[in-house]
C-alpha atoms as a PDB file:
ATOM      1  CA  UNK A   1     -49.322  62.396  -3.544  1.00  0.00           C
ATOM      2  CA  UNK A   2     -48.823  59.997  -6.451  1.00  0.00           C
ATOM      3  CA  UNK A   3     -49.733  56.440  -5.638  1.00  0.00           C
ATOM      4  CA  UNK A   4     -47.235  53.786  -6.667  1.00  0.00           C
ATOM      5  CA  UNK A   5     -48.356  52.232  -9.926  1.00  0.00           C
ATOM      6  CA  UNK A   6     -45.297  50.162 -10.858  1.00  0.00           C
ATOM      7  CA  UNK A   7     -44.615  46.516 -10.125  1.00  0.00           C
ATOM      8  CA  UNK A   8     -41.291  44.920 -11.062  1.00  0.00           C
ATOM      9  CA  UNK A   9     -40.680  41.213 -11.615  1.00  0.00           C
ATOM     10  CA  UNK A  10     -37.398  39.522 -12.523  1.00  0.00           C
ATOM     11  CA  UNK A  11     -37.165  36.255 -14.407  1.00  0.00           C
ATOM     12  CA  UNK A  12     -34.160  34.739 -16.174  1.00  0.00           C
ATOM     13  CA  UNK A  13     -32.541  37.790 -17.730  1.00  0.00           C
ATOM     14  CA  UNK A  14     -35.832  39.652 -18.129  1.00  0.00           C
ATOM     15  CA  UNK A  15     -37.123  42.648 -16.228  1.00  0.00           C
ATOM     16  CA  UNK A  16     -40.923  42.736 -16.415  1.00  0.00           C
ATOM     17  CA  UNK A  17     -42.534  46.067 -15.540  1.00  0.00           C
ATOM     18  CA  UNK A  18     -46.273  46.224 -14.869  1.00  0.00           C
ATOM     19  CA  UNK A  19     -47.810  49.693 -15.110  1.00  0.00           C
ATOM     20  CA  UNK A  20     -51.126  50.085 -13.302  1.00  0.00           C
ATOM     21  CA  UNK A  21     -53.532  52.964 -13.894  1.00  0.00           C
ATOM     22  CA  UNK A  22     -52.220  55.818 -16.022  1.00  0.00           C
ATOM     23  CA  UNK A  23     -49.078  57.280 -17.531  1.00  0.00           C
ATOM     24  CA  UNK A  24     -49.560  61.035 -17.685  1.00  0.00           C
ATOM     25  CA  UNK A  25     -47.768  64.320 -17.134  1.00  0.00           C
ATOM     26  CA  UNK A  26     -48.461  64.082 -13.388  1.00  0.00           C
ATOM     27  CA  UNK A  27     -46.593  60.817 -12.806  1.00  0.00           C
ATOM     28  CA  UNK A  28     -44.270  60.300 -15.764  1.00  0.00           C
ATOM     29  CA  UNK A  29     -41.157  61.879 -14.176  1.00  0.00           C
ATOM     30  CA  UNK A  30     -41.401  59.706 -11.066  1.00  0.00           C
ATOM     31  CA  UNK A  31     -42.032  56.585 -13.166  1.00  0.00           C
ATOM     32  CA  UNK A  32     -39.062  57.374 -15.417  1.00  0.00           C
ATOM     33  CA  UNK A  33     -36.810  57.768 -12.384  1.00  0.00           C
ATOM     34  CA  UNK A  34     -37.913  54.462 -10.793  1.00  0.00           C
ATOM     35  CA  UNK A  35     -37.717  52.453 -14.009  1.00  0.00           C
ATOM     36  CA  UNK A  36     -34.361  53.882 -15.068  1.00  0.00           C
ATOM     37  CA  UNK A  37     -32.965  53.094 -11.608  1.00  0.00           C
ATOM     38  CA  UNK A  38     -34.080  49.437 -11.918  1.00  0.00           C
ATOM     39  CA  UNK A  39     -32.592  49.202 -15.404  1.00  0.00           C
ATOM     40  CA  UNK A  40     -29.251  50.602 -14.182  1.00  0.00           C
ATOM     41  CA  UNK A  41     -29.124  48.285 -11.137  1.00  0.00           C
ATOM     42  CA  UNK A  42     -28.670  45.157 -13.243  1.00  0.00           C
ATOM     43  CA  UNK A  43     -28.148  44.140 -16.808  1.00  0.00           C
ATOM     44  CA  UNK A  44     -31.062  42.494 -18.548  1.00  0.00           C
ATOM     45  CA  UNK A  45     -31.312  40.824 -21.921  1.00  0.00           C
ATOM     46  CA  UNK A  46     -34.904  41.956 -22.231  1.00  0.00           C
ATOM     47  CA  UNK A  47     -37.279  44.470 -20.667  1.00  0.00           C
ATOM     48  CA  UNK A  48     -41.018  43.838 -20.975  1.00  0.00           C
ATOM     49  CA  UNK A  49     -43.488  46.647 -20.327  1.00  0.00           C
ATOM     50  CA  UNK A  50     -46.773  44.950 -19.405  1.00  0.00           C
ATOM     51  CA  UNK A  51     -49.648  47.369 -20.035  1.00  0.00           C
ATOM     52  CA  UNK A  52     -52.509  44.985 -19.218  1.00  0.00           C
ATOM     53  CA  UNK A  53     -53.530  47.187 -16.254  1.00  0.00           C
ATOM     54  CA  UNK A  54     -52.897  50.528 -17.998  1.00  0.00           C
ATOM     55  CA  UNK A  55     -56.103  52.476 -18.494  1.00  0.00           C
ATOM     56  CA  UNK A  56     -54.784  55.703 -20.050  1.00  0.00           C
ATOM     57  CA  UNK A  57     -51.630  57.175 -21.583  1.00  0.00           C
ATOM     58  CA  UNK A  58     -51.174  60.792 -22.703  1.00  0.00           C
ATOM     59  CA  UNK A  59     -48.537  62.323 -24.985  1.00  0.00           C
ATOM     60  CA  UNK A  60     -45.989  62.603 -22.168  1.00  0.00           C
ATOM     61  CA  UNK A  61     -46.535  58.898 -21.514  1.00  0.00           C
ATOM     62  CA  UNK A  62     -45.914  58.131 -25.190  1.00  0.00           C
ATOM     63  CA  UNK A  63     -42.680  60.089 -24.993  1.00  0.00           C
ATOM     64  CA  UNK A  64     -41.755  58.174 -21.863  1.00  0.00           C
ATOM     65  CA  UNK A  65     -42.264  54.800 -23.611  1.00  0.00           C
ATOM     66  CA  UNK A  66     -40.302  55.871 -26.696  1.00  0.00           C
ATOM     67  CA  UNK A  67     -37.531  57.244 -24.479  1.00  0.00           C
ATOM     68  CA  UNK A  68     -37.168  53.944 -22.608  1.00  0.00           C
ATOM     69  CA  UNK A  69     -36.936  52.174 -25.964  1.00  0.00           C
ATOM     70  CA  UNK A  70     -34.149  54.498 -27.105  1.00  0.00           C
ATOM     71  CA  UNK A  71     -32.204  54.075 -23.864  1.00  0.00           C
ATOM     72  CA  UNK A  72     -32.537  50.288 -23.953  1.00  0.00           C
ATOM     73  CA  UNK A  73     -31.493  50.123 -27.614  1.00  0.00           C
ATOM     74  CA  UNK A  74     -28.313  52.010 -26.713  1.00  0.00           C
ATOM     75  CA  UNK A  75     -27.648  49.377 -24.035  1.00  0.00           C
ATOM     76  CA  UNK A  76     -28.315  46.536 -26.477  1.00  0.00           C
ATOM     77  CA  UNK A  77     -31.353  45.392 -24.504  1.00  0.00           C
ATOM     78  CA  UNK A  78     -34.516  44.119 -26.179  1.00  0.00           C
ATOM     79  CA  UNK A  79     -37.691  46.064 -25.317  1.00  0.00           C
ATOM     80  CA  UNK A  80     -41.214  44.694 -25.759  1.00  0.00           C
ATOM     81  CA  UNK A  81     -44.662  46.044 -24.907  1.00  0.00           C
ATOM     82  CA  UNK A  82     -47.174  43.399 -23.841  1.00  0.00           C
ATOM     83  CA  UNK A  83     -50.926  43.241 -23.411  1.00  0.00           C
ATOM     84  CA  UNK A  84     -52.172  46.787 -24.012  1.00  0.00           C
ATOM     85  CA  UNK A  85     -55.961  47.049 -23.915  1.00  0.00           C
ATOM     86  CA  UNK A  86     -57.807  48.021 -27.098  1.00  0.00           C
ATOM     87  CA  UNK A  87     -57.874  51.762 -26.348  1.00  0.00           C
ATOM     88  CA  UNK A  88     -54.196  51.949 -25.375  1.00  0.00           C
ATOM     89  CA  UNK A  89     -53.213  49.860 -28.410  1.00  0.00           C
ATOM     90  CA  UNK A  90     -55.140  52.257 -30.648  1.00  0.00           C
ATOM     91  CA  UNK A  91     -53.219  55.206 -29.180  1.00  0.00           C
ATOM     92  CA  UNK A  92     -49.871  53.408 -29.528  1.00  0.00           C
ATOM     93  CA  UNK A  93     -50.622  52.675 -33.189  1.00  0.00           C
ATOM     94  CA  UNK A  94     -51.783  56.251 -33.883  1.00  0.00           C
ATOM     95  CA  UNK A  95     -48.491  57.504 -32.468  1.00  0.00           C
ATOM     96  CA  UNK A  96     -46.545  54.982 -34.580  1.00  0.00           C
ATOM     97  CA  UNK A  97     -45.092  53.247 -31.538  1.00  0.00           C
ATOM     98  CA  UNK A  98     -45.906  49.857 -33.074  1.00  0.00           C
ATOM     99  CA  UNK A  99     -43.463  50.623 -35.896  1.00  0.00           C
ATOM    100  CA  UNK A 100     -40.510  51.044 -33.535  1.00  0.00           C
ATOM    101  CA  UNK A 101     -41.366  48.801 -30.561  1.00  0.00           C
ATOM    102  CA  UNK A 102     -42.622  45.228 -30.705  1.00  0.00           C
ATOM    103  CA  UNK A 103     -46.145  44.956 -29.232  1.00  0.00           C
ATOM    104  CA  UNK A 104     -47.491  41.514 -28.346  1.00  0.00           C
ATOM    105  CA  UNK A 105     -50.552  40.024 -26.691  1.00  0.00           C
ATOM    106  CA  UNK A 106     -49.351  37.222 -24.425  1.00  0.00           C
ATOM    107  CA  UNK A 107     -52.726  36.453 -22.853  1.00  0.00           C
END
């Protein structure tokens, strides 16, 4: 059984999504379903993916992040990644994610 590793927070036109633990091929489909449902439920000006508690992301997780960016761009919604740890940031940069999605450290 996959433990729930998503926390959603809403604040003034922004959906903030905290991912805890890992994004991998075991949990990415369930995460995609839950996040896409939240995005469809309301319209947001901005979606922030907070990765401060993310410990690992594999290639399916990278595809998941890029896919959410594409979907949100089509909706005209800003997408930002916040607070990845050093290892996750290194992986995001190696995959070129930083060239297509804004990554910030808000700590």
